[in-house]
Amino acid sequence: MVSYLWFSWFSLIKQQGFCNMLKISAMIFCFVAMALVSSVDSVAESSNDLKKKIDQYIQENAIYSDARPDEFPDYKFSTVPESNIVIVYLIGREFCGSGGCSLLFLDASGEEFTEIGSTALVNFPVTYKGKSKNGFPKFGVTVRGGGIMEPLESILSFNGKEYPGSAYSKSAQKVTSIDKNSILIDENTPTYSSLE
């Protein structure tokens, strides 16, 4: 394959002349560079939009209006394989209790991030469990505390409108092993500060 590409390149040089090929190469390089810059700008803009949406959600759903800036929630987030879903794990007294913290689900398929659910009582790790029949991703989350002696894994699925409001489920099962490749968020995921 590589030898074929080299042969094609040298054939073009013979036909077009060396100077013309340099011009064509420069044009190709410029197009590639512009595409890369555009892609970087798009990622940066998307990242900005994500932070704005998270900050907006925190402000609208904050329990304590007297929180000092150093008490504002932190968060961890992850994109989800083969989907337009972003999950956000909110950390702090605003969104956590003895049973765990809140996991926010955002859909990035439209022009802006849309909230499609928030699940309370979630603990690390949050894992990817493939897709439901409706095409939305399923997540495994650890449930502990609140009288549960051993950690359990609960599966969170999209019901057509939203993800469930609580991670506690009668179908939760004992955690036996976790595929490290399926982990989306855990204690090692970078933490970001909100409302800065």
Foldseek 3Di string as FASTA:
>chain_A
DVVVVVVVLVVCCVVPPVVVSVVVVVVVVVVVVVVVVVVVVVVVVQVVLVQVVVQVVCVVQFPDPPDDLVQAWKWFKFQDPPFQKIKIWIDGPRAADQQGGKIWIWGRPDPGTDTAEIEHSFADFKFWDQADPVGHTKIWTWTDDPPRPAIWIAIWHRPPRHTDHYRDDPPTGGDDDDDPVGTGDHPPGDMGRHPD
